[in-house]
Amino acid sequence: MTESDHTETPDIPAGFTRHTRPSPLTAPWEPLYARTTVDAVMLGLRIRDAHTNSRGLAHGGLIAALADAAMGYSCALKLGGGERLLTASLAIDFLGSAKIGQWLQIEPEVVKLGGSLCVVQCFVIADGARCARANATFSVAKAKV
């Protein structure tokens, strides 16, 4: 993280830097942040109006999409590259709410890694409190050459 990144984002937790894999879906939600460890790619953001439903709470679709992305990135990290991952199933349970201004963080854990399937789970945390849990199965396909 450069010094200018730090001054622009003083309220972002240590270890998180700007996410570098933008997509058309997540573009309106920027800025997104990522923290990569040897086991997982965590995603995070500071909740703003653009992330909420009509009640001012983080929209379930936002949470589900970010959980899906973080779990997929984590499977790809553990597989080592070259594979394409397709979401085969995704389930999410909402345990609480997340409000504007809170730090939302997705914390994945790869449960089973195989040649054709990857199973992963995660917790979604809002300012330290669990607000959702999700699990997914990804179909693993070799990248086309």
C-alpha atoms as a PDB file:
ATOM      1  CA  MET A   1       0.000   0.000   0.000  1.00  0.00           C
ATOM      2  CA  THR A   2       1.432   3.373  -0.912  1.00  0.00           C
ATOM      3  CA  GLU A   3       1.395   6.340   1.412  1.00  0.00           C
ATOM      4  CA  SER A   4      -1.295   7.987  -0.738  1.00  0.00           C
ATOM      5  CA  ASP A   5      -3.481   4.863  -0.432  1.00  0.00           C
ATOM      6  CA  HIS A   6      -3.166   5.069   3.344  1.00  0.00           C
ATOM      7  CA  THR A   7      -4.104   8.742   3.532  1.00  0.00           C
ATOM      8  CA  GLU A   8      -7.120   8.192   1.278  1.00  0.00           C
ATOM      9  CA  THR A   9      -8.387   5.226   3.317  1.00  0.00           C
ATOM     10  CA  PRO A  10      -7.439   5.673   6.971  1.00  0.00           C
ATOM     11  CA  ASP A  11     -10.489   3.697   8.156  1.00  0.00           C
ATOM     12  CA  ILE A  12      -9.625   0.510   6.239  1.00  0.00           C
ATOM     13  CA  PRO A  13      -8.316  -2.351   8.426  1.00  0.00           C
ATOM     14  CA  ALA A  14      -4.626  -3.225   8.263  1.00  0.00           C
ATOM     15  CA  GLY A  15      -3.666  -5.653   5.517  1.00  0.00           C
ATOM     16  CA  PHE A  16      -6.459  -4.628   3.139  1.00  0.00           C
ATOM     17  CA  THR A  17      -5.547  -2.941  -0.145  1.00  0.00           C
ATOM     18  CA  ARG A  18      -7.624  -1.942  -3.156  1.00  0.00           C
ATOM     19  CA  HIS A  19      -9.113  -4.977  -4.870  1.00  0.00           C
ATOM     20  CA  THR A  20      -7.555  -5.437  -8.307  1.00  0.00           C
ATOM     21  CA  ARG A  21     -10.118  -7.690 -10.035  1.00  0.00           C
ATOM     22  CA  PRO A  22     -12.948  -5.363 -11.012  1.00  0.00           C
ATOM     23  CA  SER A  23     -16.075  -6.688 -12.685  1.00  0.00           C
ATOM     24  CA  PRO A  24     -19.103  -4.977 -14.215  1.00  0.00           C
ATOM     25  CA  LEU A  25     -21.223  -6.218 -11.289  1.00  0.00           C
ATOM     26  CA  THR A  26     -18.999  -4.827  -8.556  1.00  0.00           C
ATOM     27  CA  ALA A  27     -17.981  -1.573 -10.309  1.00  0.00           C
ATOM     28  CA  PRO A  28     -20.809   0.469  -8.696  1.00  0.00           C
ATOM     29  CA  TRP A  29     -19.750  -0.805  -5.274  1.00  0.00           C
ATOM     30  CA  GLU A  30     -16.165   0.496  -5.448  1.00  0.00           C
ATOM     31  CA  PRO A  31     -13.973   0.954  -3.627  1.00  0.00           C
ATOM     32  CA  LEU A  32     -13.593  -2.714  -2.693  1.00  0.00           C
ATOM     33  CA  TYR A  33     -10.640  -4.006  -0.719  1.00  0.00           C
ATOM     34  CA  ALA A  34      -8.905  -7.387  -0.488  1.00  0.00           C
ATOM     35  CA  ARG A  35      -6.568  -9.105   1.921  1.00  0.00           C
ATOM     36  CA  THR A  36      -4.824 -12.252   0.713  1.00  0.00           C
ATOM     37  CA  THR A  37      -3.354 -14.853   3.047  1.00  0.00           C
ATOM     38  CA  VAL A  38      -1.895 -18.252   2.177  1.00  0.00           C
ATOM     39  CA  ASP A  39      -5.362 -19.768   2.664  1.00  0.00           C
ATOM     40  CA  ALA A  40      -7.927 -17.208   1.540  1.00  0.00           C
ATOM     41  CA  VAL A  41      -8.826 -14.004  -0.245  1.00  0.00           C
ATOM     42  CA  MET A  42     -10.926 -11.823   2.035  1.00  0.00           C
ATOM     43  CA  LEU A  43     -12.977  -8.997   0.578  1.00  0.00           C
ATOM     44  CA  GLY A  44     -14.142  -5.907   2.422  1.00  0.00           C
ATOM     45  CA  LEU A  45     -15.802  -2.545   2.033  1.00  0.00           C
ATOM     46  CA  ARG A  46     -17.087   0.348   4.090  1.00  0.00           C
ATOM     47  CA  ILE A  47     -20.889   0.258   3.710  1.00  0.00           C
ATOM     48  CA  ARG A  48     -22.312   3.297   1.896  1.00  0.00           C
ATOM     49  CA  ASP A  49     -25.766   4.250   0.578  1.00  0.00           C
ATOM     50  CA  ALA A  50     -25.022   2.491  -2.733  1.00  0.00           C
ATOM     51  CA  HIS A  51     -24.768  -0.833  -0.858  1.00  0.00           C
ATOM     52  CA  THR A  52     -28.115  -0.667   0.931  1.00  0.00           C
ATOM     53  CA  ASN A  53     -31.747  -1.578   0.595  1.00  0.00           C
ATOM     54  CA  SER A  54     -34.653   0.813   1.258  1.00  0.00           C
ATOM     55  CA  ARG A  55     -34.202   0.361   5.020  1.00  0.00           C
ATOM     56  CA  GLY A  56     -30.577   1.543   4.953  1.00  0.00           C
ATOM     57  CA  LEU A  57     -29.109  -1.910   5.642  1.00  0.00           C
ATOM     58  CA  ALA A  58     -26.558  -3.730   3.486  1.00  0.00           C
ATOM     59  CA  HIS A  59     -28.513  -5.419   0.697  1.00  0.00           C
ATOM     60  CA  GLY A  60     -28.593  -9.213   0.786  1.00  0.00           C
ATOM     61  CA  GLY A  61     -27.678  -9.326  -2.901  1.00  0.00           C
ATOM     62  CA  LEU A  62     -24.494  -7.344  -2.210  1.00  0.00           C
ATOM     63  CA  ILE A  63     -23.557  -9.700   0.618  1.00  0.00           C
ATOM     64  CA  ALA A  64     -24.283 -12.813  -1.463  1.00  0.00           C
ATOM     65  CA  ALA A  65     -22.338 -11.527  -4.488  1.00  0.00           C
ATOM     66  CA  LEU A  66     -19.282 -10.559  -2.419  1.00  0.00           C
ATOM     67  CA  ALA A  67     -19.374 -13.867  -0.526  1.00  0.00           C
ATOM     68  CA  ASP A  68     -19.553 -15.763  -3.840  1.00  0.00           C
ATOM     69  CA  ALA A  69     -16.599 -13.781  -5.207  1.00  0.00           C
ATOM     70  CA  ALA A  70     -14.409 -14.155  -2.099  1.00  0.00           C
ATOM     71  CA  MET A  71     -15.106 -17.893  -1.906  1.00  0.00           C
ATOM     72  CA  GLY A  72     -14.297 -18.339  -5.610  1.00  0.00           C
ATOM     73  CA  TYR A  73     -11.068 -16.311  -5.310  1.00  0.00           C
ATOM     74  CA  SER A  74     -10.077 -18.425  -2.310  1.00  0.00           C
ATOM     75  CA  CYS A  75     -10.613 -21.689  -4.209  1.00  0.00           C
ATOM     76  CA  ALA A  76      -8.569 -20.321  -7.122  1.00  0.00           C
ATOM     77  CA  LEU A  77      -5.792 -19.317  -4.714  1.00  0.00           C
ATOM     78  CA  LYS A  78      -5.646 -22.812  -3.223  1.00  0.00           C
ATOM     79  CA  LEU A  79      -5.750 -24.477  -6.648  1.00  0.00           C
ATOM     80  CA  GLY A  80      -2.757 -22.443  -7.753  1.00  0.00           C
ATOM     81  CA  GLY A  81      -3.975 -20.931 -11.000  1.00  0.00           C
ATOM     82  CA  GLY A  82      -4.925 -21.969 -14.486  1.00  0.00           C
ATOM     83  CA  GLU A  83      -8.374 -23.248 -13.531  1.00  0.00           C
ATOM     84  CA  ARG A  84     -11.710 -21.617 -14.235  1.00  0.00           C
ATOM     85  CA  LEU A  85     -14.272 -21.796 -11.475  1.00  0.00           C
ATOM     86  CA  LEU A  86     -18.015 -21.796 -11.989  1.00  0.00           C
ATOM     87  CA  THR A  87     -20.433 -21.501  -9.077  1.00  0.00           C
ATOM     88  CA  ALA A  88     -22.393 -24.761  -8.952  1.00  0.00           C
ATOM     89  CA  SER A  89     -24.288 -23.962  -5.757  1.00  0.00           C
ATOM     90  CA  LEU A  90     -24.479 -21.097  -3.305  1.00  0.00           C
ATOM     91  CA  ALA A  91     -26.393 -20.892  -0.029  1.00  0.00           C
ATOM     92  CA  ILE A  92     -26.498 -18.018   2.424  1.00  0.00           C
ATOM     93  CA  ASP A  93     -28.001 -17.515   5.865  1.00  0.00           C
ATOM     94  CA  PHE A  94     -28.505 -13.990   7.156  1.00  0.00           C
ATOM     95  CA  LEU A  95     -27.722 -13.811  10.857  1.00  0.00           C
ATOM     96  CA  GLY A  96     -27.988 -10.067  11.462  1.00  0.00           C
ATOM     97  CA  SER A  97     -27.780  -6.740   9.712  1.00  0.00           C
ATOM     98  CA  ALA A  98     -25.017  -4.418   8.551  1.00  0.00           C
ATOM     99  CA  LYS A  99     -25.465  -0.649   8.538  1.00  0.00           C
ATOM    100  CA  ILE A 100     -24.049   2.328   6.683  1.00  0.00           C
ATOM    101  CA  GLY A 101     -20.579   3.168   7.949  1.00  0.00           C
ATOM    102  CA  GLN A 102     -19.741  -0.341   9.141  1.00  0.00           C
ATOM    103  CA  TRP A 103     -16.790  -2.323   7.777  1.00  0.00           C
ATOM    104  CA  LEU A 104     -18.116  -5.414   5.978  1.00  0.00           C
ATOM    105  CA  GLN A 105     -15.615  -8.251   5.635  1.00  0.00           C
ATOM    106  CA  ILE A 106     -15.953 -11.664   3.981  1.00  0.00           C
ATOM    107  CA  GLU A 107     -13.784 -14.395   5.559  1.00  0.00           C
ATOM    108  CA  PRO A 108     -13.693 -17.594   3.443  1.00  0.00           C
ATOM    109  CA  GLU A 109     -12.364 -21.028   4.353  1.00  0.00           C
ATOM    110  CA  VAL A 110     -11.769 -23.701   1.719  1.00  0.00           C
ATOM    111  CA  VAL A 111     -13.253 -26.928   3.088  1.00  0.00           C
ATOM    112  CA  LYS A 112     -12.455 -29.421   0.309  1.00  0.00           C
ATOM    113  CA  LEU A 113     -10.319 -29.003  -2.761  1.00  0.00           C
ATOM    114  CA  GLY A 114     -10.598 -31.487  -5.600  1.00  0.00           C
ATOM    115  CA  GLY A 115      -9.892 -31.852  -9.269  1.00  0.00           C
ATOM    116  CA  SER A 116     -13.477 -31.205 -10.322  1.00  0.00           C
ATOM    117  CA  LEU A 117     -15.124 -29.543  -7.288  1.00  0.00           C
ATOM    118  CA  CYS A 118     -14.137 -27.060  -4.606  1.00  0.00           C
ATOM    119  CA  VAL A 119     -16.244 -26.651  -1.452  1.00  0.00           C
ATOM    120  CA  VAL A 120     -15.882 -23.464   0.578  1.00  0.00           C
ATOM    121  CA  GLN A 121     -17.645 -21.612   3.375  1.00  0.00           C
ATOM    122  CA  CYS A 122     -17.416 -18.124   4.814  1.00  0.00           C
ATOM    123  CA  PHE A 123     -18.627 -15.762   7.475  1.00  0.00           C
ATOM    124  CA  VAL A 124     -19.587 -12.200   6.655  1.00  0.00           C
ATOM    125  CA  ILE A 125     -18.624  -9.843   9.462  1.00  0.00           C
ATOM    126  CA  ALA A 126     -19.879  -6.274  10.065  1.00  0.00           C
ATOM    127  CA  ASP A 127     -17.694  -4.392  12.548  1.00  0.00           C
ATOM    128  CA  GLY A 128     -16.766  -7.638  14.285  1.00  0.00           C
ATOM    129  CA  ALA A 129     -20.267  -9.181  14.420  1.00  0.00           C
ATOM    130  CA  ARG A 130     -21.341 -12.039  12.149  1.00  0.00           C
ATOM    131  CA  CYS A 131     -24.174 -10.935   9.892  1.00  0.00           C
ATOM    132  CA  ALA A 132     -24.196 -13.855   7.412  1.00  0.00           C
ATOM    133  CA  ARG A 133     -22.690 -17.218   6.648  1.00  0.00           C
ATOM    134  CA  ALA A 134     -22.468 -18.791   3.242  1.00  0.00           C
ATOM    135  CA  ASN A 135     -21.264 -21.931   1.553  1.00  0.00           C
ATOM    136  CA  ALA A 136     -20.654 -22.742  -2.050  1.00  0.00           C
ATOM    137  CA  THR A 137     -19.521 -25.478  -4.367  1.00  0.00           C
ATOM    138  CA  PHE A 138     -17.519 -24.515  -7.441  1.00  0.00           C
ATOM    139  CA  SER A 139     -17.030 -26.615 -10.542  1.00  0.00           C
ATOM    140  CA  VAL A 140     -13.353 -26.658 -11.533  1.00  0.00           C
ATOM    141  CA  ALA A 141     -12.535 -26.510 -15.244  1.00  0.00           C
ATOM    142  CA  LYS A 142      -9.088 -26.262 -16.777  1.00  0.00           C
ATOM    143  CA  ALA A 143      -8.484 -22.942 -18.513  1.00  0.00           C
ATOM    144  CA  LYS A 144      -8.614 -23.033 -22.287  1.00  0.00           C
ATOM    145  CA  VAL A 145      -5.214 -22.713 -23.916  1.00  0.00           C
END
